[in-house]
Amino acid sequence: MTGRPSRPDVRPVAVVVDAYSTGAALAPAFAAAGWRTVHVSSSPVVPDPYRASFRPGDFIGLIAHDGDLRRTLNALLPHAPVVVLPGAECGVELADQLAAGLGLPGNGTGLSRARRDKFLMGQVVAAAGLAAAPQHVTDNPADAVAWAVARGDWPVVVKPLDSAGTDGVTFCHDAAAVDRAFRALHGRPNRLGSVNDRLLVQGFLRGRQYFVNTVSLSGRHLIAEIWAESKREVADAAFINDLEMLMPRAGAVQDALAAYTSAVLDALGIAWGPAHTELMLTAEGPVLIETAARLMGTVEQQAVRRSLGVTQADLAVQAVTDPAGFLARLDQPYRMAAEIWCVALISEHEGIITGRSGFARIEGLASYASSIAVAGPGVRLRPTIDYFSSPGVVYLVHEDAAVLAADYARIRAWEREGAIFDLAPGSGRG
């Protein structure tokens, strides 16, 4: 007696390109909706900053792109995918190419490079009549210095064209600092693996920084979250992440940010999928810092769900799996059940971590909700100079902002005291 042949699995398939950082949340969200996912890595080797977040077991297939687009498309065809989404910044352009090559909905490839190259991004936004930062791109340090000196408005910002996470972003207060920053970055690989053959020099934007997370479907944009940012400047680098506070959706500031962000998305051709837009609210109004056509990075899903009930990753998946339900949200601005603060840990110490016994004090705080990417034993703790050198992120959730403020102050005090991480004797302060 022979058994019945197994039925083919007819569940729809989504492709996620570089499911790293917050992009790792996409496959579980698709699974919850009854879909399967295939992973495509944009390079044969997962970039070091993202290796710990990658979960290959979440996928029914793993494909490594080797630069041959046709080969990667042919490898995907047997899976009959119906959507392609980027998971991290390094996967944005390949996701555009795969969606176009498979004839699937997407943002197209015509403006694909402008969604990665920050100089082109600024040009496209300015051409659409939207406020953008003064900028100059060059491969020559003397040219960079000359542009900054001619402007005569200090500081200026020197940064890579296509990296992420404040990698290499340097605030320069004089000509010597511009020259020094340029020479430190030029010709070197950035955190996402591309070489900084040219660098961007931008005028400094004065005001309060915000970011707006969105999900788009057929050119209609849902405002998923609006956050106010607080950053801290460090010597010979830039402003590092300090504190992010989720804002209520209602308000004149929020409306201005939402309207400007939607116009930026239109200008950049982002009609499908998630986006993370950073901007400065200046005295003249919102001005773009940069937009990434993917999820906001390093987000702990459960903490955000405690406040909003849903995350940007959840919404990105709903736009694909339940478009009618997603579109119904456009007329339902998000509501906060609790205040949520995202605290980037900042190290002033250096050494090999042997333990994190002091972290229990953080976990005992009244507002502690969760943490993500906290450095552990064996990792070298270094002074924080950018997103990638932060030793972790802590989420605080509470109905009372005063409790959040008090707990935040305690975390910063423990950091200064070196009371969170245990370091090997003689390996550094702390």
Protein backbone atom coordinates (compact mmCIF):
# COMPACT_ATOMS: atom_id res chain seq x y z
CA MET A 1 0.00 0.00 0.00
CA THR A 2 1.42 3.32 -0.98
CA GLY A 3 0.79 6.53 0.88
CA ARG A 4 -0.94 9.45 -0.68
CA PRO A 5 1.35 11.85 -2.46
CA SER A 6 2.00 14.97 -0.47
CA ARG A 7 0.16 18.05 -1.58
CA PRO A 8 2.22 20.87 -2.99
CA ASP A 9 2.59 23.83 -0.67
CA VAL A 10 0.60 26.59 -2.35
CA ARG A 11 1.14 29.26 0.28
CA PRO A 12 2.35 32.50 -1.34
CA VAL A 13 6.04 33.32 -1.24
CA ALA A 14 7.70 36.62 -0.41
CA VAL A 15 11.36 37.45 -1.02
CA VAL A 16 13.33 39.44 1.55
CA VAL A 17 16.68 40.85 0.48
CA ASP A 18 19.15 41.16 3.35
CA ALA A 19 16.86 40.32 6.27
CA TYR A 20 19.17 41.92 8.81
CA SER A 21 18.55 44.22 11.76
CA THR A 22 14.80 45.01 11.83
CA GLY A 23 14.47 43.22 8.52
CA ALA A 24 14.73 39.98 10.48
CA ALA A 25 11.17 40.67 11.68
CA LEU A 26 9.69 40.36 8.19
CA ALA A 27 9.85 36.57 7.81
CA PRO A 28 8.04 35.85 11.14
CA ALA A 29 5.39 38.43 10.21
CA PHE A 30 4.87 36.77 6.83
CA ALA A 31 4.69 33.37 8.54
CA ALA A 32 1.98 34.67 10.89
CA ALA A 33 0.00 35.69 7.80
CA GLY A 34 0.37 32.21 6.29
CA TRP A 35 3.10 33.11 3.80
CA ARG A 36 6.53 31.62 3.19
CA THR A 37 9.73 33.58 2.59
CA VAL A 38 12.90 33.14 0.58
CA HIS A 39 16.04 35.04 1.53
CA VAL A 40 18.40 36.70 -0.92
CA SER A 41 21.66 38.11 0.38
CA SER A 42 23.01 40.99 -1.70
CA SER A 43 26.56 39.71 -1.24
CA PRO A 44 28.00 36.24 -0.61
CA VAL A 45 29.07 37.27 2.91
CA VAL A 46 26.75 38.85 5.48
CA PRO A 47 28.23 42.22 6.58
CA ASP A 48 29.75 42.01 10.05
CA PRO A 49 27.41 44.55 11.70
CA TYR A 50 24.40 42.44 10.69
CA ARG A 51 25.64 38.90 11.22
CA ALA A 52 24.14 38.44 14.68
CA SER A 53 20.65 39.49 13.56
CA PHE A 54 20.36 37.10 10.60
CA ARG A 55 18.06 34.07 11.18
CA PRO A 56 18.45 31.71 8.20
CA GLY A 57 16.06 29.16 9.73
CA ASP A 58 13.14 31.50 9.04
CA PHE A 59 13.35 30.91 5.28
CA ILE A 60 12.44 28.11 2.91
CA GLY A 61 15.33 29.02 0.65
CA LEU A 62 18.62 30.92 0.85
CA ILE A 63 20.09 32.51 -2.26
CA ALA A 64 23.39 34.40 -2.31
CA HIS A 65 23.61 37.02 -5.04
CA ASP A 66 27.04 36.92 -6.69
CA GLY A 67 26.58 39.94 -8.94
CA ASP A 68 24.87 38.05 -11.76
CA LEU A 69 21.28 39.37 -11.73
CA ARG A 70 20.00 36.85 -14.25
CA ARG A 71 21.36 33.95 -12.21
CA THR A 72 19.66 35.23 -9.06
CA LEU A 73 16.36 35.75 -10.91
CA ASN A 74 16.53 32.20 -12.28
CA ALA A 75 17.15 30.85 -8.79
CA LEU A 76 14.00 32.63 -7.58
CA LEU A 77 11.68 31.54 -10.40
CA PRO A 78 10.91 28.04 -9.00
CA HIS A 79 9.58 29.70 -5.84
CA ALA A 80 7.12 31.85 -7.84
CA PRO A 81 7.42 34.83 -5.48
CA VAL A 82 4.74 37.53 -5.50
CA VAL A 83 6.62 40.33 -3.71
CA VAL A 84 10.18 41.45 -3.00
CA LEU A 85 11.05 43.60 0.03
CA PRO A 86 14.42 44.91 1.27
CA GLY A 87 15.30 44.04 4.83
CA ALA A 88 18.30 46.33 5.34
CA GLU A 89 19.95 49.26 3.60
CA CYS A 90 22.43 47.11 1.69
CA GLY A 91 19.53 45.26 0.04
CA VAL A 92 17.56 48.26 -1.28
CA GLU A 93 18.95 48.41 -4.82
CA LEU A 94 18.95 44.65 -5.39
CA ALA A 95 15.36 44.45 -4.17
CA ASP A 96 14.41 47.04 -6.81
CA GLN A 97 16.21 45.06 -9.51
CA LEU A 98 14.65 41.73 -8.52
CA ALA A 99 11.12 43.13 -8.34
CA ALA A 100 11.55 44.69 -11.78
CA GLY A 101 13.13 41.56 -13.22
CA LEU A 102 10.30 39.36 -11.92
CA GLY A 103 7.60 41.78 -13.07
CA LEU A 104 6.40 42.37 -9.50
CA PRO A 105 5.17 45.58 -7.85
CA GLY A 106 7.99 47.77 -6.63
CA ASN A 107 9.60 51.17 -6.74
CA GLY A 108 11.26 50.69 -10.11
CA THR A 109 14.93 51.12 -10.90
CA GLY A 110 14.93 54.58 -12.49
CA LEU A 111 15.48 56.34 -9.14
CA SER A 112 16.96 53.36 -7.37
CA ARG A 113 20.44 54.87 -7.02
CA ALA A 114 18.98 58.13 -5.70
CA ARG A 115 17.42 56.14 -2.90
CA ARG A 116 20.92 55.10 -1.78
CA ASP A 117 23.28 57.87 -2.91
CA LYS A 118 22.67 60.78 -0.57
CA PHE A 119 23.95 63.39 -3.04
CA LEU A 120 21.60 62.21 -5.78
CA MET A 121 18.84 62.02 -3.19
CA GLY A 122 19.31 65.67 -2.31
CA GLN A 123 19.33 66.64 -5.98
CA VAL A 124 16.08 64.79 -6.69
CA VAL A 125 14.34 66.27 -3.65
CA ALA A 126 15.50 69.79 -4.48
CA ALA A 127 14.39 69.37 -8.12
CA ALA A 128 10.92 68.54 -6.81
CA GLY A 129 10.81 71.94 -5.12
CA LEU A 130 11.32 70.60 -1.61
CA ALA A 131 13.73 71.99 0.97
CA ALA A 132 17.10 70.21 0.97
CA ALA A 133 20.48 70.77 2.61
CA PRO A 134 23.25 72.60 0.71
CA GLN A 135 25.63 69.92 -0.52
CA HIS A 136 28.72 69.11 -2.53
CA VAL A 137 30.20 65.80 -3.64
CA THR A 138 33.89 65.29 -4.43
CA ASP A 139 36.79 62.86 -4.44
CA ASN A 140 39.30 65.58 -3.51
CA PRO A 141 39.95 66.85 0.02
CA ALA A 142 41.09 70.28 -1.22
CA ASP A 143 37.84 70.63 -3.15
CA ALA A 144 35.85 69.69 -0.06
CA VAL A 145 37.70 72.26 2.01
CA ALA A 146 37.27 74.95 -0.66
CA TRP A 147 33.50 74.38 -0.81
CA ALA A 148 33.16 74.55 2.98
CA VAL A 149 35.31 77.68 3.24
CA ALA A 150 33.39 79.39 0.44
CA ARG A 151 30.13 78.75 2.27
CA GLY A 152 31.54 80.28 5.45
CA ASP A 153 28.84 78.69 7.60
CA TRP A 154 30.26 76.27 10.14
CA PRO A 155 30.01 73.45 10.99
CA VAL A 156 29.66 71.33 7.87
CA VAL A 157 29.04 67.59 7.67
CA VAL A 158 31.32 65.11 5.89
CA LYS A 159 29.92 61.62 5.32
CA PRO A 160 29.84 58.60 2.97
CA LEU A 161 27.37 58.66 0.10
CA ASP A 162 25.72 55.31 0.73
CA SER A 163 26.37 53.91 4.19
CA ALA A 164 23.99 53.80 7.16
CA GLY A 165 23.78 54.20 10.92
CA THR A 166 25.81 57.45 11.16
CA ASP A 167 28.81 55.51 9.80
CA GLY A 168 31.57 58.02 9.12
CA VAL A 169 29.35 61.05 9.65
CA THR A 170 31.65 63.81 10.93
CA PHE A 171 30.83 67.37 12.00
CA CYS A 172 33.63 69.75 11.08
CA HIS A 173 34.02 73.19 12.65
CA ASP A 174 36.89 74.43 10.49
CA ALA A 175 38.86 73.75 7.32
CA ALA A 176 41.41 71.55 9.05
CA ALA A 177 38.65 69.32 10.40
CA VAL A 178 37.16 68.93 6.91
CA ASP A 179 40.54 67.88 5.52
CA ARG A 180 41.10 65.48 8.40
CA ALA A 181 37.66 63.87 8.12
CA PHE A 182 37.91 63.55 4.35
CA ARG A 183 41.30 61.84 4.46
CA ALA A 184 40.09 59.47 7.21
CA LEU A 185 37.13 58.28 5.10
CA HIS A 186 38.17 58.58 1.46
CA GLY A 187 39.10 55.37 -0.34
CA ARG A 188 38.11 53.17 2.57
CA PRO A 189 35.24 50.66 2.76
CA ASN A 190 32.25 51.78 4.76
CA ARG A 191 30.18 49.65 7.10
CA LEU A 192 28.01 48.34 4.27
CA GLY A 193 30.99 47.18 2.22
CA SER A 194 31.19 49.78 -0.56
CA VAL A 195 34.27 51.96 -0.98
CA ASN A 196 34.07 55.67 -0.20
CA ASP A 197 35.49 56.77 -3.55
CA ARG A 198 33.63 60.09 -3.22
CA LEU A 199 32.32 61.85 -0.14
CA LEU A 200 29.44 64.16 0.58
CA VAL A 201 29.89 67.54 2.25
CA GLN A 202 26.68 69.13 3.52
CA GLY A 203 25.64 72.29 5.25
CA PHE A 204 24.69 71.89 8.90
CA LEU A 205 20.95 71.97 9.56
CA ARG A 206 19.86 73.76 12.72
CA GLY A 207 16.73 72.70 14.52
CA ARG A 208 15.14 69.64 16.14
CA GLN A 209 15.69 66.29 14.49
CA TYR A 210 12.86 63.84 13.85
CA PHE A 211 12.27 60.71 11.86
CA VAL A 212 9.13 59.43 10.24
CA ASN A 213 8.53 55.76 9.51
CA THR A 214 6.11 54.96 6.71
CA VAL A 215 4.69 52.12 4.66
CA SER A 216 3.44 52.75 1.13
CA LEU A 217 1.05 50.87 -1.11
CA SER A 218 0.40 51.94 -4.71
CA GLY A 219 1.72 55.41 -3.94
CA ARG A 220 -0.40 55.94 -0.82
CA HIS A 221 1.65 56.53 2.33
CA LEU A 222 0.75 55.42 5.84
CA ILE A 223 2.48 57.27 8.67
CA ALA A 224 3.45 54.41 10.97
CA GLU A 225 5.46 56.37 13.58
CA ILE A 226 6.87 59.83 14.21
CA TRP A 227 9.80 60.06 16.62
CA ALA A 228 11.66 62.99 18.12
CA GLU A 229 15.40 62.44 18.37
CA SER A 230 18.00 63.60 20.83
CA LYS A 231 21.63 63.21 19.83
CA ARG A 232 24.99 63.90 21.47
CA GLU A 233 28.05 65.29 19.72
CA VAL A 234 31.39 63.54 20.20
CA ALA A 235 34.82 64.87 19.31
CA ASP A 236 36.12 64.18 15.78
CA ALA A 237 32.94 62.36 14.83
CA ALA A 238 29.33 63.43 14.78
CA PHE A 239 26.19 63.34 16.81
CA ILE A 240 25.63 59.86 18.17
CA ASN A 241 22.24 58.37 18.96
CA ASP A 242 21.07 59.21 22.46
CA LEU A 243 17.31 59.10 22.88
CA GLU A 244 14.32 58.62 20.59
CA MET A 245 10.81 59.43 21.85
CA LEU A 246 7.65 58.32 20.06
CA MET A 247 5.32 61.26 19.47
CA PRO A 248 1.52 61.22 19.32
CA ARG A 249 0.29 61.36 15.73
CA ALA A 250 -1.87 64.45 16.28
CA GLY A 251 -0.24 67.88 16.30
CA ALA A 252 0.81 70.74 14.03
CA VAL A 253 4.48 69.67 14.08
CA GLN A 254 3.55 66.10 13.25
CA ASP A 255 1.28 67.21 10.40
CA ALA A 256 4.08 69.30 8.88
CA LEU A 257 6.55 66.42 9.16
CA ALA A 258 4.07 63.95 7.66
CA ALA A 259 3.21 66.19 4.70
CA TYR A 260 6.87 66.90 3.90
CA THR A 261 7.82 63.23 4.24
CA SER A 262 5.05 62.13 1.90
CA ALA A 263 6.26 64.63 -0.69
CA VAL A 264 9.83 63.32 -0.34
CA LEU A 265 8.62 59.75 -0.88
CA ASP A 266 6.80 60.83 -4.03
CA ALA A 267 9.89 62.65 -5.31
CA LEU A 268 12.08 59.60 -4.74
CA GLY A 269 9.60 57.22 -6.34
CA ILE A 270 8.89 55.28 -3.15
CA ALA A 271 5.40 53.97 -3.84
CA TRP A 272 5.69 50.50 -2.30
CA GLY A 273 6.99 49.21 1.00
CA PRO A 274 8.59 50.70 4.11
CA ALA A 275 10.73 53.82 4.40
CA HIS A 276 12.62 55.57 7.18
CA THR A 277 12.98 59.33 6.73
CA GLU A 278 15.24 61.50 8.89
CA LEU A 279 14.68 65.23 8.81
CA MET A 280 15.37 68.46 10.63
CA LEU A 281 12.60 70.84 11.60
CA THR A 282 14.30 74.18 11.02
CA ALA A 283 12.92 77.69 11.51
CA GLU A 284 11.86 77.58 7.84
CA GLY A 285 10.22 74.15 8.08
CA PRO A 286 11.21 70.51 7.56
CA VAL A 287 14.41 69.75 5.62
CA LEU A 288 15.48 66.28 4.53
CA ILE A 289 18.54 64.67 6.08
CA GLU A 290 18.04 61.36 4.27
CA THR A 291 15.44 58.75 3.40
CA ALA A 292 16.04 55.01 3.43
CA ALA A 293 13.68 52.83 1.39
CA ARG A 294 13.48 50.13 4.05
CA LEU A 295 12.49 49.57 7.67
CA MET A 296 13.98 51.64 10.46
CA GLY A 297 16.96 49.73 11.84
CA THR A 298 17.35 48.14 15.27
CA VAL A 299 13.75 48.04 16.46
CA GLU A 300 12.59 45.71 19.22
CA GLN A 301 9.19 44.61 18.00
CA GLN A 302 7.42 43.77 21.27
CA ALA A 303 8.22 47.10 22.91
CA VAL A 304 6.70 49.03 20.01
CA ARG A 305 3.66 46.75 20.01
CA ARG A 306 3.09 47.57 23.68
CA SER A 307 2.66 51.20 22.71
CA LEU A 308 1.08 51.01 19.26
CA GLY A 309 -0.17 47.44 18.93
CA VAL A 310 1.62 47.11 15.61
CA THR A 311 5.10 47.75 14.18
CA GLN A 312 6.36 49.11 10.89
CA ALA A 313 7.38 45.56 9.94
CA ASP A 314 3.86 44.30 10.70
CA LEU A 315 2.41 47.05 8.51
CA ALA A 316 4.83 46.34 5.66
CA VAL A 317 3.66 42.73 5.65
CA GLN A 318 -0.02 43.67 5.96
CA ALA A 319 0.29 45.94 2.92
CA VAL A 320 1.27 42.82 0.95
CA THR A 321 -0.90 40.14 2.54
CA ASP A 322 -4.02 42.20 3.35
CA PRO A 323 -4.02 45.34 1.20
CA ALA A 324 -7.65 46.20 1.97
CA GLY A 325 -7.00 46.06 5.71
CA PHE A 326 -3.88 48.15 5.25
CA LEU A 327 -5.65 50.83 3.21
CA ALA A 328 -8.35 51.06 5.89
CA ARG A 329 -5.63 52.27 8.27
CA LEU A 330 -4.97 55.37 6.18
CA ASP A 331 -7.93 57.08 7.82
CA GLN A 332 -7.05 55.81 11.30
CA PRO A 333 -4.01 57.70 12.70
CA TYR A 334 -1.99 55.64 15.15
CA ARG A 335 -2.75 55.90 18.86
CA MET A 336 -0.31 55.38 21.72
CA ALA A 337 -1.29 53.19 24.66
CA ALA A 338 1.87 54.27 26.50
CA GLU A 339 4.92 56.50 26.10
CA ILE A 340 7.94 54.77 24.60
CA TRP A 341 11.57 55.92 24.77
CA CYS A 342 14.36 54.19 22.89
CA VAL A 343 17.69 54.67 24.68
CA ALA A 344 20.92 54.00 22.78
CA LEU A 345 23.58 52.89 25.24
CA ILE A 346 26.69 55.08 25.11
CA SER A 347 30.07 53.79 26.22
CA GLU A 348 32.73 56.04 27.70
CA HIS A 349 34.89 53.04 28.57
CA GLU A 350 37.04 50.52 26.72
CA GLY A 351 37.96 46.92 27.37
CA ILE A 352 36.98 43.28 26.91
CA ILE A 353 33.55 42.53 28.37
CA THR A 354 33.58 39.63 30.82
CA GLY A 355 29.97 40.06 31.93
CA ARG A 356 27.15 42.55 32.25
CA SER A 357 26.12 42.13 35.85
CA GLY A 358 25.06 45.77 36.05
CA PHE A 359 22.50 45.27 33.32
CA ALA A 360 20.19 43.67 35.87
CA ARG A 361 19.76 47.14 37.38
CA ILE A 362 18.41 48.36 34.05
CA GLU A 363 16.08 45.39 33.79
CA GLY A 364 14.74 46.25 37.23
CA LEU A 365 13.67 49.77 36.28
CA ALA A 366 9.95 50.50 36.48
CA SER A 367 9.73 51.37 32.78
CA TYR A 368 12.08 48.73 31.39
CA ALA A 369 10.43 46.88 28.51
CA SER A 370 13.17 45.15 26.55
CA SER A 371 16.58 45.51 24.96
CA ILE A 372 18.25 44.65 21.71
CA ALA A 373 21.82 44.06 20.48
CA VAL A 374 23.36 44.42 23.94
CA ALA A 375 27.07 43.58 23.87
CA GLY A 376 28.09 40.45 25.77
CA PRO A 377 31.16 38.61 27.05
CA GLY A 378 34.14 38.55 24.72
CA VAL A 379 33.15 41.74 22.89
CA ARG A 380 35.55 44.68 23.04
CA LEU A 381 33.72 47.65 24.47
CA ARG A 382 34.87 50.90 22.87
CA PRO A 383 33.88 54.53 23.31
CA THR A 384 30.76 55.13 21.25
CA ILE A 385 31.36 57.23 18.13
CA ASP A 386 28.48 56.04 15.89
CA TYR A 387 25.48 53.73 15.69
CA PHE A 388 27.63 50.65 15.20
CA SER A 389 29.74 51.26 18.33
CA SER A 390 26.77 51.63 20.66
CA PRO A 391 26.82 48.64 23.05
CA GLY A 392 23.05 48.15 22.86
CA VAL A 393 19.58 49.66 22.86
CA VAL A 394 17.12 49.75 25.74
CA TYR A 395 13.38 50.34 25.38
CA LEU A 396 11.49 52.06 28.17
CA VAL A 397 7.67 51.97 28.10
CA HIS A 398 5.39 53.61 30.66
CA GLU A 399 2.23 55.70 30.89
CA ASP A 400 4.03 58.37 32.96
CA ALA A 401 6.73 60.42 31.21
CA ALA A 402 8.20 61.39 34.59
CA VAL A 403 9.00 57.72 35.29
CA LEU A 404 10.68 57.43 31.89
CA ALA A 405 12.78 60.53 32.54
CA ALA A 406 13.93 59.27 35.93
CA ASP A 407 14.84 55.82 34.56
CA TYR A 408 16.68 57.36 31.62
CA ALA A 409 18.76 59.50 34.01
CA ARG A 410 19.66 56.39 36.03
CA ILE A 411 20.89 54.57 32.92
CA ARG A 412 23.14 57.48 31.95
CA ALA A 413 24.54 57.70 35.48
CA TRP A 414 25.35 53.98 35.54
CA GLU A 415 27.10 54.32 32.17
CA ARG A 416 29.31 57.12 33.43
CA GLU A 417 30.19 55.04 36.48
CA GLY A 418 31.05 52.02 34.34
CA ALA A 419 28.47 50.06 36.32
CA ILE A 420 26.74 48.17 33.48
CA PHE A 421 29.46 46.08 31.83
CA ASP A 422 32.18 44.09 33.60
CA LEU A 423 35.57 44.53 31.93
CA ALA A 424 38.66 42.36 32.16
CA PRO A 425 41.20 43.76 34.65
CA GLY A 426 43.56 46.13 32.95
CA SER A 427 41.62 46.16 29.66
CA GLY A 428 40.19 49.63 30.14
CA ARG A 429 38.27 51.97 32.40
CA GLY A 430 35.08 50.69 34.00
